[in-house]
Amino acid sequence: MLASRLTQARRASGRSAEAVARSAGVSVDTVRSIEKGRTSTPEFFTVAALAAELDLSLDELYAFARQPAQNDHQAPDDPSGCVST
């Protein structure tokens, strides 16, 4: 969820991953890794720097990241852990 919100904000700003990375003081590989979900738990200061560059509050990112995934439709009483459709 964090990855998608950061990607949405960056695209909405009209900036490239390279431009945001440079302004935030992080590597472009780090930005791309976060956006693609390869880095599931990025460093706090990295997230804070990206949030500042993209005019996002950390509270907003936290709330967004805590939301269940849109495609998770598991029934709460389903002990099998299978995802229903």
Protein backbone atom coordinates (compact mmCIF):
# COMPACT_ATOMS: atom_id res chain seq x y z
CA MET A 1 0.00 0.00 0.00
CA LEU A 2 2.84 2.39 0.79
CA ALA A 3 4.38 1.68 -2.59
CA SER A 4 1.21 2.52 -4.49
CA ARG A 5 0.60 5.75 -2.55
CA LEU A 6 4.14 7.00 -3.11
CA THR A 7 3.92 6.11 -6.80
CA GLN A 8 0.55 7.87 -7.15
CA ALA A 9 1.88 11.00 -5.47
CA ARG A 10 5.03 11.05 -7.58
CA ARG A 11 3.10 10.63 -10.82
CA ALA A 12 0.58 13.28 -9.76
CA SER A 13 3.47 15.66 -9.18
CA GLY A 14 4.63 15.08 -12.74
CA ARG A 15 8.12 14.23 -11.55
CA SER A 16 10.29 11.28 -12.46
CA ALA A 17 11.62 8.80 -9.95
CA GLU A 18 15.07 10.24 -10.66
CA ALA A 19 13.99 13.80 -9.85
CA VAL A 20 12.26 12.83 -6.62
CA ALA A 21 15.19 10.66 -5.54
CA ARG A 22 17.68 13.45 -6.20
CA SER A 23 15.61 16.03 -4.29
CA ALA A 24 15.00 13.64 -1.38
CA GLY A 25 18.64 12.66 -1.15
CA VAL A 26 18.08 8.97 -1.78
CA SER A 27 19.13 6.74 -4.65
CA VAL A 28 16.85 6.23 -7.61
CA ASP A 29 17.25 2.48 -7.05
CA THR A 30 15.75 2.95 -3.59
CA VAL A 31 12.76 4.87 -4.97
CA ARG A 32 12.17 2.28 -7.69
CA SER A 33 12.55 -0.58 -5.23
CA ILE A 34 9.97 0.94 -2.89
CA GLU A 35 7.55 1.74 -5.72
CA LYS A 36 7.77 -1.79 -7.11
CA GLY A 37 7.22 -3.30 -3.66
CA ARG A 38 10.63 -4.98 -3.54
CA THR A 39 11.40 -3.06 -0.35
CA SER A 40 8.51 -3.87 1.95
CA THR A 41 9.92 -2.11 5.01
CA PRO A 42 11.91 0.93 3.89
CA GLU A 43 13.89 2.97 6.40
CA PHE A 44 11.85 5.59 8.27
CA PHE A 45 14.06 8.49 7.18
CA THR A 46 13.78 7.40 3.54
CA VAL A 47 9.99 7.40 3.75
CA ALA A 48 10.04 10.74 5.57
CA ALA A 49 12.28 12.31 2.91
CA LEU A 50 10.10 11.01 0.08
CA ALA A 51 6.93 12.14 1.86
CA ALA A 52 8.36 15.64 2.29
CA GLU A 53 9.30 15.80 -1.40
CA LEU A 54 5.83 14.68 -2.43
CA ASP A 55 3.94 16.89 0.04
CA LEU A 56 2.53 13.90 1.90
CA SER A 57 2.18 13.79 5.65
CA LEU A 58 3.53 10.79 7.50
CA ASP A 59 0.10 10.47 9.15
CA GLU A 60 -1.49 10.15 5.70
CA LEU A 61 1.02 7.53 4.60
CA TYR A 62 0.53 5.56 7.79
CA ALA A 63 -3.26 5.59 7.44
CA PHE A 64 -3.00 4.60 3.78
CA ALA A 65 -0.57 1.78 4.52
CA ARG A 66 -2.87 0.40 7.24
CA GLN A 67 -5.82 0.00 4.85
CA PRO A 68 -6.51 -3.55 3.72
CA ALA A 69 -5.51 -4.30 0.14
CA GLN A 70 -8.31 -3.76 -2.37
CA ASN A 71 -8.11 -7.34 -3.61
CA ASP A 72 -8.15 -9.00 -0.17
CA HIS A 73 -11.62 -10.47 0.10
CA GLN A 74 -11.00 -13.22 2.63
CA ALA A 75 -14.08 -14.01 4.64
CA PRO A 76 -13.39 -13.36 8.35
CA ASP A 77 -14.87 -16.74 9.36
CA ASP A 78 -12.88 -18.69 6.77
CA PRO A 79 -10.24 -20.64 8.75
CA SER A 80 -8.62 -21.99 5.59
CA GLY A 81 -6.94 -18.67 4.82
CA CYS A 82 -8.11 -18.94 1.23
CA VAL A 83 -9.08 -15.81 -0.60
CA SER A 84 -12.62 -15.95 -1.90
CA THR A 85 -13.77 -14.25 -5.08
